[in-house]
């Protein structure tokens, strides 16, 4: 089975989501962030799977 976790599209999506998170956390408080806002800022058309994102409480 092919592991897609390290594929280039997945890496680009993770990087875009991380960059969007950093931008938004600099604009507003952490507790005001919503996953939907991060996704919209990243320009991702689909919700990333939970396997690529840790829960907010685990940070």
N, C-alpha and C. Protein backbone atom coordinates (compact mmCIF):
# COMPACT_ATOMS: atom_id res chain seq x y z
N UNK A 1 0.83 -1.17 0.00
CA UNK A 1 0.00 0.00 0.00
C UNK A 1 0.89 1.25 0.00
N UNK A 2 0.48 2.26 -0.73
CA UNK A 2 1.24 3.50 -0.84
C UNK A 2 0.84 4.43 0.31
N UNK A 3 1.84 4.95 1.00
CA UNK A 3 1.59 5.89 2.09
C UNK A 3 1.61 7.30 1.51
N UNK A 4 0.46 7.96 1.50
CA UNK A 4 0.36 9.29 0.93
C UNK A 4 0.71 10.41 1.91
N UNK A 5 1.01 10.05 3.14
CA UNK A 5 1.27 11.05 4.17
C UNK A 5 2.46 11.95 3.83
N UNK A 6 3.40 11.46 3.06
CA UNK A 6 4.58 12.25 2.71
C UNK A 6 4.60 12.69 1.26
N UNK A 7 3.47 12.58 0.57
CA UNK A 7 3.43 12.98 -0.83
C UNK A 7 3.52 14.51 -0.93
N UNK A 8 3.94 14.99 -2.07
CA UNK A 8 4.09 16.44 -2.25
C UNK A 8 2.79 17.21 -2.05
N UNK A 9 1.67 16.73 -2.59
CA UNK A 9 0.42 17.47 -2.34
C UNK A 9 0.07 17.56 -0.86
N UNK A 10 0.31 16.49 -0.13
CA UNK A 10 0.02 16.49 1.31
C UNK A 10 0.97 17.46 2.02
N UNK A 11 2.23 17.46 1.64
CA UNK A 11 3.19 18.37 2.25
C UNK A 11 2.82 19.83 1.97
N UNK A 12 2.37 20.11 0.74
CA UNK A 12 1.95 21.48 0.39
C UNK A 12 0.74 21.90 1.21
N UNK A 13 -0.21 20.98 1.37
CA UNK A 13 -1.41 21.28 2.15
C UNK A 13 -1.06 21.55 3.60
N UNK A 14 -0.20 20.71 4.17
CA UNK A 14 0.22 20.92 5.56
C UNK A 14 0.92 22.26 5.72
N UNK A 15 1.79 22.61 4.78
CA UNK A 15 2.51 23.88 4.85
C UNK A 15 1.55 25.06 4.73
N UNK A 16 0.59 24.96 3.83
CA UNK A 16 -0.39 26.04 3.66
C UNK A 16 -1.24 26.20 4.91
N UNK A 17 -1.64 25.09 5.51
CA UNK A 17 -2.44 25.15 6.74
C UNK A 17 -1.63 25.75 7.89
N UNK A 18 -0.37 25.36 7.99
CA UNK A 18 0.48 25.90 9.06
C UNK A 18 0.69 27.40 8.87
N UNK A 19 0.99 27.81 7.64
CA UNK A 19 1.19 29.24 7.36
C UNK A 19 -0.07 30.04 7.68
N UNK A 20 -1.22 29.49 7.30
CA UNK A 20 -2.50 30.16 7.58
C UNK A 20 -2.72 30.27 9.08
N UNK A 21 -2.40 29.21 9.81
CA UNK A 21 -2.54 29.24 11.27
C UNK A 21 -1.67 30.34 11.87
N UNK A 22 -0.43 30.42 11.45
CA UNK A 22 0.49 31.43 11.99
C UNK A 22 -0.04 32.83 11.70
N UNK A 23 -0.48 33.08 10.47
CA UNK A 23 -1.02 34.39 10.11
C UNK A 23 -2.21 34.75 11.00
N UNK A 24 -3.12 33.80 11.16
CA UNK A 24 -4.33 34.08 11.93
C UNK A 24 -4.06 34.25 13.42
N UNK A 25 -3.14 33.47 13.96
CA UNK A 25 -2.85 33.59 15.39
C UNK A 25 -2.16 34.93 15.69
N UNK A 26 -1.50 35.50 14.71
CA UNK A 26 -0.91 36.83 14.89
C UNK A 26 -1.97 37.93 14.80
N UNK A 27 -3.09 37.63 14.15
CA UNK A 27 -4.16 38.60 13.98
C UNK A 27 -5.18 38.58 15.12
N UNK A 28 -5.38 37.42 15.72
CA UNK A 28 -6.39 37.29 16.77
C UNK A 28 -5.94 36.29 17.82
N UNK A 29 -6.67 36.23 18.89
CA UNK A 29 -6.32 35.31 19.97
C UNK A 29 -6.54 33.87 19.54
N UNK A 30 -5.73 33.00 20.12
CA UNK A 30 -5.78 31.56 19.79
C UNK A 30 -7.17 30.98 20.02
N UNK A 31 -7.80 31.37 21.13
CA UNK A 31 -9.11 30.79 21.45
C UNK A 31 -10.22 31.30 20.54
N UNK A 32 -9.92 32.26 19.68
CA UNK A 32 -10.90 32.76 18.72
C UNK A 32 -10.76 32.11 17.35
N UNK A 33 -9.74 31.28 17.18
CA UNK A 33 -9.52 30.63 15.88
C UNK A 33 -10.49 29.49 15.67
N UNK A 34 -10.90 29.33 14.44
CA UNK A 34 -11.73 28.20 14.05
C UNK A 34 -11.03 27.47 12.92
N UNK A 35 -11.17 26.17 12.90
CA UNK A 35 -10.55 25.36 11.85
C UNK A 35 -11.01 25.85 10.49
N UNK A 36 -12.28 26.20 10.37
CA UNK A 36 -12.82 26.69 9.09
C UNK A 36 -12.09 27.95 8.63
N UNK A 37 -11.71 28.83 9.57
CA UNK A 37 -10.98 30.04 9.22
C UNK A 37 -9.59 29.70 8.68
N UNK A 38 -8.95 28.74 9.32
CA UNK A 38 -7.60 28.33 8.89
C UNK A 38 -7.67 27.72 7.50
N UNK A 39 -8.65 26.87 7.27
CA UNK A 39 -8.81 26.23 5.97
C UNK A 39 -9.10 27.28 4.89
N UNK A 40 -9.97 28.22 5.21
CA UNK A 40 -10.30 29.27 4.24
C UNK A 40 -9.06 30.11 3.91
N UNK A 41 -8.28 30.46 4.92
CA UNK A 41 -7.07 31.25 4.70
C UNK A 41 -6.06 30.47 3.87
N UNK A 42 -5.97 29.17 4.11
CA UNK A 42 -5.01 28.33 3.38
C UNK A 42 -5.44 28.11 1.94
N UNK A 43 -6.72 28.33 1.66
CA UNK A 43 -7.21 28.13 0.31
C UNK A 43 -7.45 26.67 -0.01
N UNK A 44 -7.56 25.87 1.02
CA UNK A 44 -7.80 24.44 0.82
C UNK A 44 -9.27 24.23 0.50
N UNK A 45 -9.54 23.47 -0.55
CA UNK A 45 -10.91 23.24 -0.97
C UNK A 45 -11.63 22.21 -0.14
N UNK A 46 -10.88 21.35 0.49
CA UNK A 46 -11.50 20.28 1.28
C UNK A 46 -10.90 20.28 2.67
N UNK A 47 -11.65 19.78 3.59
CA UNK A 47 -11.16 19.65 4.95
C UNK A 47 -10.05 18.61 5.01
N UNK A 48 -8.94 18.93 5.64
CA UNK A 48 -7.89 17.92 5.79
C UNK A 48 -8.35 16.83 6.74
N UNK A 49 -7.83 15.66 6.52
CA UNK A 49 -8.22 14.56 7.40
C UNK A 49 -7.64 14.76 8.78
N UNK A 50 -8.23 14.13 9.75
CA UNK A 50 -7.73 14.28 11.12
C UNK A 50 -6.36 13.64 11.29
N UNK A 51 -5.96 12.81 10.36
CA UNK A 51 -4.63 12.20 10.47
C UNK A 51 -3.53 13.21 10.20
N UNK A 52 -3.85 14.34 9.54
CA UNK A 52 -2.83 15.34 9.25
C UNK A 52 -2.84 16.49 10.23
N UNK A 53 -3.83 16.51 11.13
CA UNK A 53 -3.93 17.60 12.09
C UNK A 53 -4.09 17.04 13.49
N UNK A 54 -3.38 17.64 14.44
CA UNK A 54 -3.54 17.25 15.83
C UNK A 54 -4.69 18.05 16.43
N UNK A 55 -5.26 17.50 17.45
CA UNK A 55 -6.34 18.20 18.14
C UNK A 55 -5.81 19.45 18.82
N UNK A 56 -6.64 20.44 18.93
CA UNK A 56 -6.26 21.70 19.58
C UNK A 56 -5.79 21.44 21.01
N UNK A 57 -6.42 20.49 21.68
CA UNK A 57 -6.07 20.21 23.07
C UNK A 57 -4.73 19.50 23.22
N UNK A 58 -4.20 18.94 22.15
CA UNK A 58 -2.93 18.22 22.25
C UNK A 58 -1.73 19.13 22.02
N UNK A 59 -1.97 20.39 21.71
CA UNK A 59 -0.88 21.33 21.44
C UNK A 59 -0.30 21.89 22.72
